[in-house]
Amino acid sequence: MESVERECGALGGLFQAIVNDMKSSYPVWEDFGAKATKLHSQLRTTVLAAVAFLEAFQKVADMATSSRGQQMAWRSLAPIWPTTRPGATQHQDRRLLSGLSSTQTIRHLHRGE
């Protein structure tokens, strides 16, 4: 009987310690949740701005392609787009440009997937 009372006392003390720890850590978790929500909102805004930029870029590329042919379109963008990025090969840059001009990429980003 005495061992049961001792075990119940130990469990009660453990429960009380857990409750006290949770009371003191609640503000930290609340702050963490608020900051995570703010980060999510900012990332979403950033993605939407990037999508809007890519859609505008797509319109420029479409306009240039339809008016002078595909080769002339990329040549007309040459003054605003560096020929290579630091550390990137020309092949990687061509893949990047073709990916940016893909309407599937833009639609995929716009849906938030």
C-alpha atoms as a PDB file:
ATOM      1  CA  MET A   1       0.000   0.000   0.000  1.00  0.00           C
ATOM      2  CA  GLU A   2       2.802   2.339   0.868  1.00  0.00           C
ATOM      3  CA  SER A   3       4.517   1.739  -2.510  1.00  0.00           C
ATOM      4  CA  VAL A   4       1.293   2.652  -4.348  1.00  0.00           C
ATOM      5  CA  GLU A   5       1.075   5.941  -2.451  1.00  0.00           C
ATOM      6  CA  ARG A   6       4.739   6.643  -3.193  1.00  0.00           C
ATOM      7  CA  GLU A   7       4.221   5.937  -6.919  1.00  0.00           C
ATOM      8  CA  CYS A   8       1.107   8.121  -7.017  1.00  0.00           C
ATOM      9  CA  GLY A   9       3.028  10.910  -5.284  1.00  0.00           C
ATOM     10  CA  ALA A  10       5.870  10.599  -7.799  1.00  0.00           C
ATOM     11  CA  LEU A  11       3.451  10.656 -10.738  1.00  0.00           C
ATOM     12  CA  GLY A  12       1.654  13.673  -9.256  1.00  0.00           C
ATOM     13  CA  GLY A  13       4.964  15.490  -8.847  1.00  0.00           C
ATOM     14  CA  LEU A  14       5.944  14.622 -12.426  1.00  0.00           C
ATOM     15  CA  PHE A  15       2.584  15.863 -13.721  1.00  0.00           C
ATOM     16  CA  GLN A  16       2.957  19.118 -11.774  1.00  0.00           C
ATOM     17  CA  ALA A  17       6.476  19.650 -13.167  1.00  0.00           C
ATOM     18  CA  ILE A  18       5.240  19.114 -16.733  1.00  0.00           C
ATOM     19  CA  VAL A  19       2.361  21.573 -16.258  1.00  0.00           C
ATOM     20  CA  ASN A  20       4.726  24.199 -14.819  1.00  0.00           C
ATOM     21  CA  ASP A  21       7.151  23.752 -17.732  1.00  0.00           C
ATOM     22  CA  MET A  22       4.315  24.140 -20.230  1.00  0.00           C
ATOM     23  CA  LYS A  23       3.088  27.303 -18.493  1.00  0.00           C
ATOM     24  CA  SER A  24       6.517  28.895 -18.705  1.00  0.00           C
ATOM     25  CA  SER A  25       7.174  27.830 -22.319  1.00  0.00           C
ATOM     26  CA  TYR A  26       3.806  28.938 -23.715  1.00  0.00           C
ATOM     27  CA  PRO A  27       4.967  32.487 -24.657  1.00  0.00           C
ATOM     28  CA  VAL A  28       7.932  31.036 -26.550  1.00  0.00           C
ATOM     29  CA  TRP A  29       5.686  28.699 -28.565  1.00  0.00           C
ATOM     30  CA  GLU A  30       3.196  31.496 -29.164  1.00  0.00           C
ATOM     31  CA  ASP A  31       5.981  33.732 -30.521  1.00  0.00           C
ATOM     32  CA  PHE A  32       7.286  30.884 -32.688  1.00  0.00           C
ATOM     33  CA  GLY A  33       3.817  30.326 -34.170  1.00  0.00           C
ATOM     34  CA  ALA A  34       3.362  34.028 -34.899  1.00  0.00           C
ATOM     35  CA  LYS A  35       6.763  34.260 -36.604  1.00  0.00           C
ATOM     36  CA  ALA A  36       6.086  31.116 -38.660  1.00  0.00           C
ATOM     37  CA  THR A  37       2.780  32.597 -39.822  1.00  0.00           C
ATOM     38  CA  LYS A  38       4.504  35.850 -40.800  1.00  0.00           C
ATOM     39  CA  LEU A  39       7.226  33.939 -42.689  1.00  0.00           C
ATOM     40  CA  HIS A  40       4.582  31.943 -44.558  1.00  0.00           C
ATOM     41  CA  SER A  41       2.795  35.140 -45.553  1.00  0.00           C
ATOM     42  CA  GLN A  42       6.007  36.811 -46.740  1.00  0.00           C
ATOM     43  CA  LEU A  43       7.078  33.761 -48.753  1.00  0.00           C
ATOM     44  CA  ARG A  44       3.668  33.596 -50.397  1.00  0.00           C
ATOM     45  CA  THR A  45       3.884  37.292 -51.311  1.00  0.00           C
ATOM     46  CA  THR A  46       7.374  36.756 -52.731  1.00  0.00           C
ATOM     47  CA  VAL A  47       6.207  33.845 -54.875  1.00  0.00           C
ATOM     48  CA  LEU A  48       3.246  35.840 -56.192  1.00  0.00           C
ATOM     49  CA  ALA A  49       5.554  38.749 -57.089  1.00  0.00           C
ATOM     50  CA  ALA A  50       7.900  36.353 -58.891  1.00  0.00           C
ATOM     51  CA  VAL A  51       4.960  34.876 -60.806  1.00  0.00           C
ATOM     52  CA  ALA A  52       3.800  38.344 -61.844  1.00  0.00           C
ATOM     53  CA  PHE A  53       7.322  39.149 -63.055  1.00  0.00           C
ATOM     54  CA  LEU A  54       7.532  35.903 -65.019  1.00  0.00           C
ATOM     55  CA  GLU A  55       4.148  36.540 -66.623  1.00  0.00           C
ATOM     56  CA  ALA A  56       5.316  40.008 -67.727  1.00  0.00           C
ATOM     57  CA  PHE A  57       8.559  38.486 -69.000  1.00  0.00           C
ATOM     58  CA  GLN A  58       6.525  35.890 -70.901  1.00  0.00           C
ATOM     59  CA  LYS A  59       4.458  38.640 -72.550  1.00  0.00           C
ATOM     60  CA  VAL A  60       7.621  40.429 -73.661  1.00  0.00           C
ATOM     61  CA  ALA A  61       9.054  37.183 -75.043  1.00  0.00           C
ATOM     62  CA  ASP A  62       5.783  36.344 -76.820  1.00  0.00           C
ATOM     63  CA  MET A  63       5.593  39.803 -78.339  1.00  0.00           C
ATOM     64  CA  ALA A  64       9.194  39.667 -79.535  1.00  0.00           C
ATOM     65  CA  THR A  65       8.763  36.143 -80.903  1.00  0.00           C
ATOM     66  CA  SER A  66       5.604  36.949 -82.828  1.00  0.00           C
ATOM     67  CA  SER A  67       6.938  40.181 -84.316  1.00  0.00           C
ATOM     68  CA  ARG A  68      10.467  39.244 -85.444  1.00  0.00           C
ATOM     69  CA  GLY A  69      10.947  35.509 -85.051  1.00  0.00           C
ATOM     70  CA  GLN A  70      12.392  33.558 -82.163  1.00  0.00           C
ATOM     71  CA  GLN A  71      16.085  34.341 -82.799  1.00  0.00           C
ATOM     72  CA  MET A  72      15.455  38.070 -82.875  1.00  0.00           C
ATOM     73  CA  ALA A  73      13.416  37.878 -79.658  1.00  0.00           C
ATOM     74  CA  TRP A  74      16.344  36.585 -77.608  1.00  0.00           C
ATOM     75  CA  ARG A  75      18.743  39.003 -79.296  1.00  0.00           C
ATOM     76  CA  SER A  76      16.485  41.900 -78.327  1.00  0.00           C
ATOM     77  CA  LEU A  77      16.676  40.785 -74.692  1.00  0.00           C
ATOM     78  CA  ALA A  78      20.486  40.534 -74.770  1.00  0.00           C
ATOM     79  CA  PRO A  79      21.112  44.085 -73.465  1.00  0.00           C
ATOM     80  CA  ILE A  80      19.070  43.425 -70.311  1.00  0.00           C
ATOM     81  CA  TRP A  81      20.148  39.813 -69.690  1.00  0.00           C
ATOM     82  CA  PRO A  82      23.842  39.061 -69.068  1.00  0.00           C
ATOM     83  CA  THR A  83      25.332  36.459 -71.391  1.00  0.00           C
ATOM     84  CA  THR A  84      26.424  34.303 -68.470  1.00  0.00           C
ATOM     85  CA  ARG A  85      25.862  34.393 -64.760  1.00  0.00           C
ATOM     86  CA  PRO A  86      28.906  34.095 -62.505  1.00  0.00           C
ATOM     87  CA  GLY A  87      29.763  30.425 -62.173  1.00  0.00           C
ATOM     88  CA  ALA A  88      27.184  29.275 -64.749  1.00  0.00           C
ATOM     89  CA  THR A  89      27.783  27.799 -68.168  1.00  0.00           C
ATOM     90  CA  GLN A  90      26.029  29.072 -71.295  1.00  0.00           C
ATOM     91  CA  HIS A  91      24.094  25.797 -71.429  1.00  0.00           C
ATOM     92  CA  GLN A  92      22.741  26.402 -67.914  1.00  0.00           C
ATOM     93  CA  ASP A  93      21.750  29.946 -68.846  1.00  0.00           C
ATOM     94  CA  ARG A  94      19.925  28.739 -71.977  1.00  0.00           C
ATOM     95  CA  ARG A  95      18.055  26.175 -69.860  1.00  0.00           C
ATOM     96  CA  LEU A  96      17.151  28.902 -67.366  1.00  0.00           C
ATOM     97  CA  LEU A  97      15.809  31.209 -70.085  1.00  0.00           C
ATOM     98  CA  SER A  98      13.831  28.440 -71.721  1.00  0.00           C
ATOM     99  CA  GLY A  99      12.399  27.484 -68.328  1.00  0.00           C
ATOM    100  CA  LEU A 100      11.417  31.079 -67.607  1.00  0.00           C
ATOM    101  CA  SER A 101       9.626  31.378 -70.921  1.00  0.00           C
ATOM    102  CA  SER A 102       7.664  28.185 -70.427  1.00  0.00           C
ATOM    103  CA  THR A 103       3.994  28.913 -69.843  1.00  0.00           C
ATOM    104  CA  GLN A 104       3.697  25.639 -67.955  1.00  0.00           C
ATOM    105  CA  THR A 105       6.283  26.881 -65.449  1.00  0.00           C
ATOM    106  CA  ILE A 106       4.386  30.127 -64.956  1.00  0.00           C
ATOM    107  CA  ARG A 107       1.039  28.392 -64.560  1.00  0.00           C
ATOM    108  CA  HIS A 108       2.593  25.918 -62.141  1.00  0.00           C
ATOM    109  CA  LEU A 109       3.987  28.742 -59.985  1.00  0.00           C
ATOM    110  CA  HIS A 110       0.770  30.757 -60.204  1.00  0.00           C
ATOM    111  CA  ARG A 111      -1.276  27.879 -58.777  1.00  0.00           C
ATOM    112  CA  GLY A 112       1.113  27.741 -55.814  1.00  0.00           C
ATOM    113  CA  GLU A 113       2.152  24.135 -56.424  1.00  0.00           C
END
